[in-house]
Amino acid sequence: SFFLSRFGFESNIALLAFVVALAAL
């Protein structure tokens, strides 16, 4: 997570949305 967060990676945005989606479900 540290590595993903220190670049402007769009995959990090998707990862957050995915985890929120699972928790909300």
PDB file of all heavy atoms in Angstrom:
ATOM      1  N   SER A   1       0.829  -1.201   0.000  1.00  0.00           N
ATOM      2  CA  SER A   1       0.000   0.000   0.000  1.00  0.00           C
ATOM      3  C   SER A   1       0.867   1.257   0.000  1.00  0.00           C
ATOM      4  O   SER A   1       0.533   2.256  -0.643  1.00  0.00           O
ATOM      5  CB  SER A   1      -0.917  -0.002   1.234  1.00  0.00           C
ATOM      6  OG  SER A   1      -1.700   1.166   1.286  1.00  0.00           O
ATOM      7  N   PHE A   2       1.982   1.213   0.712  1.00  0.00           N
ATOM      8  CA  PHE A   2       2.915   2.344   0.749  1.00  0.00           C
ATOM      9  C   PHE A   2       3.407   2.679  -0.650  1.00  0.00           C
ATOM     10  O   PHE A   2       3.414   3.832  -1.075  1.00  0.00           O
ATOM     11  CB  PHE A   2       4.090   1.985   1.662  1.00  0.00           C
ATOM     12  CG  PHE A   2       5.226   2.960   1.627  1.00  0.00           C
ATOM     13  CD1 PHE A   2       5.176   4.132   2.358  1.00  0.00           C
ATOM     14  CD2 PHE A   2       6.351   2.702   0.861  1.00  0.00           C
ATOM     15  CE1 PHE A   2       6.236   5.031   2.332  1.00  0.00           C
ATOM     16  CE2 PHE A   2       7.411   3.601   0.822  1.00  0.00           C
ATOM     17  CZ  PHE A   2       7.349   4.769   1.565  1.00  0.00           C
ATOM     18  N   PHE A   3       3.797   1.657  -1.407  1.00  0.00           N
ATOM     19  CA  PHE A   3       4.318   1.854  -2.760  1.00  0.00           C
ATOM     20  C   PHE A   3       3.261   2.438  -3.683  1.00  0.00           C
ATOM     21  O   PHE A   3       3.506   3.406  -4.411  1.00  0.00           O
ATOM     22  CB  PHE A   3       4.821   0.515  -3.315  1.00  0.00           C
ATOM     23  CG  PHE A   3       5.324   0.598  -4.728  1.00  0.00           C
ATOM     24  CD1 PHE A   3       6.588   1.088  -4.996  1.00  0.00           C
ATOM     25  CD2 PHE A   3       4.535   0.178  -5.788  1.00  0.00           C
ATOM     26  CE1 PHE A   3       7.065   1.161  -6.308  1.00  0.00           C
ATOM     27  CE2 PHE A   3       4.991   0.260  -7.097  1.00  0.00           C
ATOM     28  CZ  PHE A   3       6.264   0.753  -7.353  1.00  0.00           C
ATOM     29  N   LEU A   4       2.058   1.864  -3.639  1.00  0.00           N
ATOM     30  CA  LEU A   4       0.974   2.359  -4.491  1.00  0.00           C
ATOM     31  C   LEU A   4       0.618   3.807  -4.181  1.00  0.00           C
ATOM     32  O   LEU A   4       0.266   4.577  -5.078  1.00  0.00           O
ATOM     33  CB  LEU A   4      -0.274   1.492  -4.310  1.00  0.00           C
ATOM     34  CG  LEU A   4      -0.306   0.113  -4.968  1.00  0.00           C
ATOM     35  CD1 LEU A   4      -1.613  -0.587  -4.640  1.00  0.00           C
ATOM     36  CD2 LEU A   4      -0.113   0.204  -6.462  1.00  0.00           C
ATOM     37  N   SER A   5       0.729   4.179  -2.913  1.00  0.00           N
ATOM     38  CA  SER A   5       0.270   5.502  -2.477  1.00  0.00           C
ATOM     39  C   SER A   5       1.253   6.616  -2.785  1.00  0.00           C
ATOM     40  O   SER A   5       0.887   7.789  -2.725  1.00  0.00           O
ATOM     41  CB  SER A   5      -0.012   5.478  -0.973  1.00  0.00           C
ATOM     42  OG  SER A   5      -1.004   4.531  -0.661  1.00  0.00           O
ATOM     43  N   ARG A   6       2.497   6.295  -3.101  1.00  0.00           N
ATOM     44  CA  ARG A   6       3.492   7.338  -3.317  1.00  0.00           C
ATOM     45  C   ARG A   6       3.757   7.600  -4.802  1.00  0.00           C
ATOM     46  O   ARG A   6       4.660   8.355  -5.160  1.00  0.00           O
ATOM     47  CB  ARG A   6       4.787   7.010  -2.576  1.00  0.00           C
ATOM     48  CG  ARG A   6       4.599   7.061  -1.065  1.00  0.00           C
ATOM     49  CD  ARG A   6       5.893   6.911  -0.312  1.00  0.00           C
ATOM     50  NE  ARG A   6       6.776   8.049  -0.526  1.00  0.00           N
ATOM     51  CZ  ARG A   6       6.761   9.150   0.221  1.00  0.00           C
ATOM     52  NH1 ARG A   6       5.896   9.269   1.218  1.00  0.00           N
ATOM     53  NH2 ARG A   6       7.598  10.133  -0.027  1.00  0.00           N
ATOM     54  N   PHE A   7       2.973   7.001  -5.649  1.00  0.00           N
ATOM     55  CA  PHE A   7       2.907   7.349  -7.064  1.00  0.00           C
ATOM     56  C   PHE A   7       1.468   7.752  -7.377  1.00  0.00           C
ATOM     57  O   PHE A   7       0.547   7.399  -6.634  1.00  0.00           O
ATOM     58  CB  PHE A   7       3.296   6.170  -7.965  1.00  0.00           C
ATOM     59  CG  PHE A   7       4.767   5.886  -8.026  1.00  0.00           C
ATOM     60  CD1 PHE A   7       5.324   4.865  -7.278  1.00  0.00           C
ATOM     61  CD2 PHE A   7       5.599   6.636  -8.849  1.00  0.00           C
ATOM     62  CE1 PHE A   7       6.682   4.590  -7.343  1.00  0.00           C
ATOM     63  CE2 PHE A   7       6.960   6.375  -8.930  1.00  0.00           C
ATOM     64  CZ  PHE A   7       7.504   5.345  -8.173  1.00  0.00           C
ATOM     65  N   GLY A   8       1.281   8.452  -8.464  1.00  0.00           N
ATOM     66  CA  GLY A   8      -0.075   8.827  -8.877  1.00  0.00           C
ATOM     67  C   GLY A   8      -0.755   7.686  -9.596  1.00  0.00           C
ATOM     68  O   GLY A   8      -1.127   7.812 -10.771  1.00  0.00           O
ATOM     69  N   PHE A   9      -0.936   6.568  -8.885  1.00  0.00           N
ATOM     70  CA  PHE A   9      -1.502   5.370  -9.494  1.00  0.00           C
ATOM     71  C   PHE A   9      -3.024   5.395  -9.433  1.00  0.00           C
ATOM     72  O   PHE A   9      -3.615   5.492  -8.348  1.00  0.00           O
ATOM     73  CB  PHE A   9      -1.000   4.116  -8.779  1.00  0.00           C
ATOM     74  CG  PHE A   9       0.389   3.702  -9.147  1.00  0.00           C
ATOM     75  CD1 PHE A   9       1.204   3.072  -8.223  1.00  0.00           C
ATOM     76  CD2 PHE A   9       0.886   3.933 -10.420  1.00  0.00           C
ATOM     77  CE1 PHE A   9       2.487   2.671  -8.556  1.00  0.00           C
ATOM     78  CE2 PHE A   9       2.171   3.547 -10.767  1.00  0.00           C
ATOM     79  CZ  PHE A   9       2.970   2.920  -9.833  1.00  0.00           C
ATOM     80  N   GLU A  10      -3.666   5.236 -10.593  1.00  0.00           N
ATOM     81  CA  GLU A  10      -5.128   5.163 -10.614  1.00  0.00           C
ATOM     82  C   GLU A  10      -5.637   3.871  -9.986  1.00  0.00           C
ATOM     83  O   GLU A  10      -6.771   3.803  -9.502  1.00  0.00           O
ATOM     84  CB  GLU A  10      -5.645   5.301 -12.045  1.00  0.00           C
ATOM     85  CG  GLU A  10      -5.298   4.141 -12.976  1.00  0.00           C
ATOM     86  CD  GLU A  10      -3.983   4.319 -13.714  1.00  0.00           C
ATOM     87  OE1 GLU A  10      -3.071   4.935 -13.133  1.00  0.00           O
ATOM     88  OE2 GLU A  10      -3.882   3.832 -14.859  1.00  0.00           O
ATOM     89  N   SER A  11      -4.790   2.846  -9.956  1.00  0.00           N
ATOM     90  CA  SER A  11      -5.201   1.584  -9.343  1.00  0.00           C
ATOM     91  C   SER A  11      -5.447   1.747  -7.849  1.00  0.00           C
ATOM     92  O   SER A  11      -6.229   1.004  -7.251  1.00  0.00           O
ATOM     93  CB  SER A  11      -4.128   0.514  -9.579  1.00  0.00           C
ATOM     94  OG  SER A  11      -2.876   0.917  -9.053  1.00  0.00           O
ATOM     95  N   ASN A  12      -4.785   2.710  -7.221  1.00  0.00           N
ATOM     96  CA  ASN A  12      -4.993   2.952  -5.793  1.00  0.00           C
ATOM     97  C   ASN A  12      -6.372   3.534  -5.530  1.00  0.00           C
ATOM     98  O   ASN A  12      -6.997   3.247  -4.499  1.00  0.00           O
ATOM     99  CB  ASN A  12      -3.908   3.892  -5.274  1.00  0.00           C
ATOM    100  CG  ASN A  12      -3.538   3.613  -3.829  1.00  0.00           C
ATOM    101  OD1 ASN A  12      -3.667   2.487  -3.357  1.00  0.00           O
ATOM    102  ND2 ASN A  12      -3.075   4.622  -3.125  1.00  0.00           N
ATOM    103  N   ILE A  13      -6.855   4.349  -6.461  1.00  0.00           N
ATOM    104  CA  ILE A  13      -8.215   4.886  -6.344  1.00  0.00           C
ATOM    105  C   ILE A  13      -9.233   3.754  -6.459  1.00  0.00           C
ATOM    106  O   ILE A  13     -10.195   3.668  -5.691  1.00  0.00           O
ATOM    107  CB  ILE A  13      -8.482   5.942  -7.442  1.00  0.00           C
ATOM    108  CG1 ILE A  13      -7.393   7.030  -7.441  1.00  0.00           C
ATOM    109  CG2 ILE A  13      -9.864   6.540  -7.281  1.00  0.00           C
ATOM    110  CD1 ILE A  13      -7.284   7.809  -6.166  1.00  0.00           C
ATOM    111  N   ALA A  14      -9.003   2.864  -7.421  1.00  0.00           N
ATOM    112  CA  ALA A  14      -9.910   1.733  -7.623  1.00  0.00           C
ATOM    113  C   ALA A  14      -9.899   0.792  -6.423  1.00  0.00           C
ATOM    114  O   ALA A  14     -10.942   0.256  -6.037  1.00  0.00           O
ATOM    115  CB  ALA A  14      -9.522   0.979  -8.890  1.00  0.00           C
ATOM    116  N   LEU A  15      -8.732   0.597  -5.837  1.00  0.00           N
ATOM    117  CA  LEU A  15      -8.629  -0.283  -4.672  1.00  0.00           C
ATOM    118  C   LEU A  15      -9.463   0.245  -3.516  1.00  0.00           C
ATOM    119  O   LEU A  15     -10.189  -0.515  -2.857  1.00  0.00           O
ATOM    120  CB  LEU A  15      -7.165  -0.412  -4.251  1.00  0.00           C
ATOM    121  CG  LEU A  15      -6.884  -1.215  -2.977  1.00  0.00           C
ATOM    122  CD1 LEU A  15      -7.366  -2.653  -3.127  1.00  0.00           C
ATOM    123  CD2 LEU A  15      -5.393  -1.179  -2.640  1.00  0.00           C
ATOM    124  N   LEU A  16      -9.380   1.537  -3.258  1.00  0.00           N
ATOM    125  CA  LEU A  16     -10.185   2.134  -2.194  1.00  0.00           C
ATOM    126  C   LEU A  16     -11.670   1.958  -2.472  1.00  0.00           C
ATOM    127  O   LEU A  16     -12.442   1.550  -1.584  1.00  0.00           O
ATOM    128  CB  LEU A  16      -9.851   3.624  -2.056  1.00  0.00           C
ATOM    129  CG  LEU A  16     -10.738   4.421  -1.092  1.00  0.00           C
ATOM    130  CD1 LEU A  16     -10.611   3.891   0.328  1.00  0.00           C
ATOM    131  CD2 LEU A  16     -10.385   5.906  -1.158  1.00  0.00           C
ATOM    132  N   ALA A  17     -12.093   2.235  -3.692  1.00  0.00           N
ATOM    133  CA  ALA A  17     -13.504   2.099  -4.051  1.00  0.00           C
ATOM    134  C   ALA A  17     -13.972   0.653  -3.897  1.00  0.00           C
ATOM    135  O   ALA A  17     -15.096   0.394  -3.434  1.00  0.00           O
ATOM    136  CB  ALA A  17     -13.732   2.576  -5.480  1.00  0.00           C
ATOM    137  N   PHE A  18     -13.122  -0.299  -4.251  1.00  0.00           N
ATOM    138  CA  PHE A  18     -13.481  -1.712  -4.177  1.00  0.00           C
ATOM    139  C   PHE A  18     -13.670  -2.163  -2.727  1.00  0.00           C
ATOM    140  O   PHE A  18     -14.627  -2.873  -2.400  1.00  0.00           O
ATOM    141  CB  PHE A  18     -12.411  -2.556  -4.862  1.00  0.00           C
ATOM    142  CG  PHE A  18     -12.774  -4.007  -5.014  1.00  0.00           C
ATOM    143  CD1 PHE A  18     -13.750  -4.401  -5.906  1.00  0.00           C
ATOM    144  CD2 PHE A  18     -12.133  -4.984  -4.261  1.00  0.00           C
ATOM    145  CE1 PHE A  18     -14.083  -5.740  -6.058  1.00  0.00           C
ATOM    146  CE2 PHE A  18     -12.453  -6.322  -4.407  1.00  0.00           C
ATOM    147  CZ  PHE A  18     -13.441  -6.707  -5.302  1.00  0.00           C
ATOM    148  N   VAL A  19     -12.759  -1.754  -1.856  1.00  0.00           N
ATOM    149  CA  VAL A  19     -12.864  -2.134  -0.444  1.00  0.00           C
ATOM    150  C   VAL A  19     -14.099  -1.502   0.193  1.00  0.00           C
ATOM    151  O   VAL A  19     -14.822  -2.147   0.966  1.00  0.00           O
ATOM    152  CB  VAL A  19     -11.584  -1.736   0.320  1.00  0.00           C
ATOM    153  CG1 VAL A  19     -11.747  -1.976   1.819  1.00  0.00           C
ATOM    154  CG2 VAL A  19     -10.389  -2.531  -0.199  1.00  0.00           C
ATOM    155  N   VAL A  20     -14.366  -0.236  -0.127  1.00  0.00           N
ATOM    156  CA  VAL A  20     -15.578   0.425   0.375  1.00  0.00           C
ATOM    157  C   VAL A  20     -16.825  -0.310  -0.120  1.00  0.00           C
ATOM    158  O   VAL A  20     -17.790  -0.506   0.631  1.00  0.00           O
ATOM    159  CB  VAL A  20     -15.612   1.904  -0.053  1.00  0.00           C
ATOM    160  CG1 VAL A  20     -16.980   2.522   0.228  1.00  0.00           C
ATOM    161  CG2 VAL A  20     -14.528   2.687   0.667  1.00  0.00           C
ATOM    162  N   ALA A  21     -16.805  -0.737  -1.381  1.00  0.00           N
ATOM    163  CA  ALA A  21     -17.943  -1.458  -1.950  1.00  0.00           C
ATOM    164  C   ALA A  21     -18.205  -2.764  -1.207  1.00  0.00           C
ATOM    165  O   ALA A  21     -19.360  -3.099  -0.901  1.00  0.00           O
ATOM    166  CB  ALA A  21     -17.698  -1.735  -3.431  1.00  0.00           C
ATOM    167  N   LEU A  22     -17.150  -3.495  -0.899  1.00  0.00           N
ATOM    168  CA  LEU A  22     -17.301  -4.758  -0.174  1.00  0.00           C
ATOM    169  C   LEU A  22     -17.826  -4.524   1.237  1.00  0.00           C
ATOM    170  O   LEU A  22     -18.738  -5.229   1.695  1.00  0.00           O
ATOM    171  CB  LEU A  22     -15.955  -5.482  -0.102  1.00  0.00           C
ATOM    172  CG  LEU A  22     -15.396  -6.038  -1.414  1.00  0.00           C
ATOM    173  CD1 LEU A  22     -14.008  -6.633  -1.176  1.00  0.00           C
ATOM    174  CD2 LEU A  22     -16.330  -7.111  -1.982  1.00  0.00           C
ATOM    175  N   ALA A  23     -17.258  -3.524   1.926  1.00  0.00           N
ATOM    176  CA  ALA A  23     -17.695  -3.229   3.282  1.00  0.00           C
ATOM    177  C   ALA A  23     -19.159  -2.781   3.309  1.00  0.00           C
ATOM    178  O   ALA A  23     -19.940  -3.214   4.163  1.00  0.00           O
ATOM    179  CB  ALA A  23     -16.801  -2.156   3.900  1.00  0.00           C
ATOM    180  N   ALA A  24     -19.524  -1.927   2.368  1.00  0.00           N
ATOM    181  CA  ALA A  24     -20.912  -1.446   2.299  1.00  0.00           C
ATOM    182  C   ALA A  24     -21.877  -2.582   1.976  1.00  0.00           C
ATOM    183  O   ALA A  24     -23.001  -2.619   2.496  1.00  0.00           O
ATOM    184  CB  ALA A  24     -21.027  -0.340   1.256  1.00  0.00           C
ATOM    185  N   LEU A  25     -21.452  -3.518   1.129  1.00  0.00           N
ATOM    186  CA  LEU A  25     -22.304  -4.654   0.784  1.00  0.00           C
ATOM    187  C   LEU A  25     -22.543  -5.542   2.001  1.00  0.00           C
ATOM    188  O   LEU A  25     -23.674  -6.005   2.238  1.00  0.00           O
ATOM    189  CB  LEU A  25     -21.674  -5.458  -0.347  1.00  0.00           C
ATOM    190  CG  LEU A  25     -22.481  -6.652  -0.856  1.00  0.00           C
ATOM    191  CD1 LEU A  25     -23.869  -6.219  -1.319  1.00  0.00           C
ATOM    192  CD2 LEU A  25     -21.741  -7.352  -1.999  1.00  0.00           C
TER     193      LEU A  25
END
